[in-house]
């Protein structure tokens, strides 16, 4: 937290990035969390409309969350995690560390390309096929 001249606390937010065209683009973490929401929703074969209904939102708002265009607040993310039956931490897996860490606190890098692939229709088919194969072997 930083204190301004008027002694009121101010919090610095992660910036939106401005593209060459002058338009704001979503923050990397917001996009990452949105992709993870989409991936989990698709794993449960849930539509954007159904998730929106459960949250009291339109499917367009869910779409904006999934694209990272609109940020997901903490309480909303908690609602989403409950509806999608996943811990809040699931949505941040593989997200870049914004604050940097010391060498002793570093974790092994997460291959985000795997998560990105699993969020695609092809990745979802692969995941579903894997789970179906496990059920037949059990």
Protein backbone atom coordinates (compact mmCIF):
# COMPACT_ATOMS: atom_id res chain seq x y z
CA UNK A 1 0.00 0.00 0.00
CA UNK A 2 1.19 3.50 -0.76
CA UNK A 3 0.24 6.70 1.01
CA UNK A 4 -0.43 9.85 -0.99
CA UNK A 5 -0.03 13.47 0.08
CA UNK A 6 -3.45 13.46 1.77
CA UNK A 7 -2.38 10.48 3.97
CA UNK A 8 -5.13 8.21 2.63
CA UNK A 9 -3.98 4.78 1.52
CA UNK A 10 -4.01 4.06 -2.18
CA UNK A 11 -3.57 0.68 -3.76
CA UNK A 12 -1.78 0.23 -7.07
CA UNK A 13 -3.66 -2.12 -9.38
CA UNK A 14 -2.12 -4.30 -12.06
CA UNK A 15 -2.26 -2.14 -15.18
CA UNK A 16 -4.21 -2.73 -18.34
CA UNK A 17 -1.82 -2.64 -21.25
CA UNK A 18 -2.27 -0.22 -24.12
CA UNK A 19 -1.80 -1.66 -27.61
CA UNK A 20 -0.36 0.17 -30.62
CA UNK A 21 -3.92 1.02 -31.68
CA UNK A 22 -4.37 2.89 -28.38
CA UNK A 23 -6.94 0.41 -27.06
CA UNK A 24 -6.55 -1.11 -23.61
CA UNK A 25 -5.87 -4.82 -23.55
CA UNK A 26 -6.56 -7.11 -20.58
CA UNK A 27 -3.95 -7.80 -17.93
CA UNK A 28 -2.14 -11.13 -18.33
CA UNK A 29 -3.43 -12.50 -15.00
CA UNK A 30 -7.02 -11.48 -15.82
CA UNK A 31 -6.79 -13.31 -19.15
CA UNK A 32 -5.24 -16.35 -17.47
CA UNK A 33 -7.94 -16.56 -14.79
CA UNK A 34 -10.62 -16.14 -17.47
CA UNK A 35 -9.16 -18.98 -19.56
CA UNK A 36 -9.14 -21.23 -16.51
CA UNK A 37 -12.80 -20.37 -15.79
CA UNK A 38 -13.65 -21.26 -19.40
CA UNK A 39 -11.65 -24.49 -19.23
CA UNK A 40 -13.36 -25.63 -16.03
CA UNK A 41 -16.82 -24.62 -17.30
CA UNK A 42 -16.25 -26.61 -20.50
CA UNK A 43 -14.97 -29.62 -18.54
CA UNK A 44 -18.33 -29.65 -16.76
CA UNK A 45 -20.18 -29.23 -20.09
CA UNK A 46 -21.79 -26.07 -18.73
CA UNK A 47 -22.89 -23.25 -21.03
CA UNK A 48 -22.01 -19.62 -20.46
CA UNK A 49 -25.72 -18.97 -20.00
CA UNK A 50 -26.03 -21.59 -17.27
CA UNK A 51 -23.03 -20.20 -15.40
CA UNK A 52 -24.41 -16.69 -15.87
CA UNK A 53 -27.80 -17.76 -14.47
CA UNK A 54 -26.14 -19.28 -11.41
CA UNK A 55 -24.22 -16.02 -10.87
CA UNK A 56 -27.16 -13.75 -11.66
CA UNK A 57 -25.40 -12.42 -14.78
CA UNK A 58 -25.88 -12.51 -18.54
CA UNK A 59 -23.86 -14.87 -20.71
CA UNK A 60 -22.20 -11.77 -22.20
CA UNK A 61 -20.75 -10.88 -18.80
CA UNK A 62 -19.43 -14.44 -18.41
CA UNK A 63 -17.91 -14.08 -21.90
CA UNK A 64 -16.13 -10.88 -20.82
CA UNK A 65 -14.80 -12.61 -17.70
CA UNK A 66 -13.50 -15.53 -19.77
CA UNK A 67 -11.74 -13.23 -22.23
CA UNK A 68 -10.22 -11.21 -19.41
CA UNK A 69 -11.94 -8.06 -20.69
CA UNK A 70 -13.61 -7.58 -17.28
CA UNK A 71 -11.84 -8.45 -14.08
CA UNK A 72 -13.37 -10.99 -11.71
CA UNK A 73 -13.65 -9.67 -8.17
CA UNK A 74 -12.69 -11.80 -5.17
CA UNK A 75 -16.25 -12.55 -4.03
CA UNK A 76 -17.34 -13.31 -7.61
CA UNK A 77 -14.38 -15.66 -8.06
CA UNK A 78 -15.38 -17.42 -4.86
CA UNK A 79 -18.92 -17.86 -6.26
CA UNK A 80 -17.51 -19.17 -9.54
CA UNK A 81 -15.24 -21.62 -7.72
CA UNK A 82 -18.23 -22.95 -5.76
CA UNK A 83 -20.39 -23.33 -8.89
CA UNK A 84 -17.59 -24.92 -10.93
CA UNK A 85 -16.53 -27.12 -7.99
CA UNK A 86 -12.88 -26.06 -8.08
CA UNK A 87 -10.73 -24.33 -5.46
CA UNK A 88 -9.99 -20.64 -6.05
CA UNK A 89 -6.29 -21.48 -6.44
CA UNK A 90 -7.17 -23.59 -9.52
CA UNK A 91 -7.91 -20.41 -11.48
CA UNK A 92 -4.44 -18.99 -10.76
CA UNK A 93 -2.41 -22.10 -11.60
CA UNK A 94 0.29 -21.18 -14.08
CA UNK A 95 -0.32 -17.44 -13.74
CA UNK A 96 2.78 -15.26 -13.80
CA UNK A 97 4.14 -14.08 -10.45
CA UNK A 98 3.72 -10.29 -10.39
CA UNK A 99 5.79 -9.58 -7.31
CA UNK A 100 8.88 -11.61 -8.09
CA UNK A 101 10.20 -14.07 -5.58
CA UNK A 102 13.49 -14.81 -3.96
CA UNK A 103 15.48 -17.82 -5.10
CA UNK A 104 14.47 -19.86 -2.07
CA UNK A 105 10.78 -19.14 -2.69
CA UNK A 106 10.76 -19.93 -6.40
CA UNK A 107 8.54 -22.73 -7.58
CA UNK A 108 9.08 -24.87 -10.62
CA UNK A 109 7.80 -23.07 -13.70
CA UNK A 110 4.35 -24.19 -14.79
CA UNK A 111 4.10 -25.07 -18.48
CA UNK A 112 1.22 -22.74 -19.35
CA UNK A 113 1.10 -24.10 -22.88
CA UNK A 114 -0.40 -27.32 -21.49
CA UNK A 115 -3.19 -25.42 -19.73
CA UNK A 116 -3.71 -23.29 -22.83
CA UNK A 117 -4.06 -26.43 -24.94
CA UNK A 118 -6.45 -28.06 -22.47
CA UNK A 119 -8.68 -24.96 -22.71
CA UNK A 120 -9.15 -25.53 -26.46
CA UNK A 121 -11.90 -27.75 -27.89
CA UNK A 122 -9.27 -30.33 -28.89
CA UNK A 123 -7.77 -30.36 -25.40
CA UNK A 124 -11.19 -30.78 -23.87
CA UNK A 125 -11.87 -33.78 -26.16
CA UNK A 126 -8.55 -35.30 -25.12
CA UNK A 127 -9.38 -34.81 -21.44
CA UNK A 128 -12.86 -36.30 -21.82
CA UNK A 129 -11.43 -39.26 -23.74
CA UNK A 130 -8.87 -39.86 -21.01
CA UNK A 131 -11.54 -39.81 -18.30
CA UNK A 132 -13.80 -42.13 -20.33
CA UNK A 133 -10.90 -44.56 -20.78
CA UNK A 134 -10.21 -44.56 -17.04
CA UNK A 135 -13.87 -45.34 -16.30
CA UNK A 136 -13.87 -48.35 -18.64
CA UNK A 137 -10.72 -49.74 -17.05
CA UNK A 138 -12.04 -49.39 -13.50
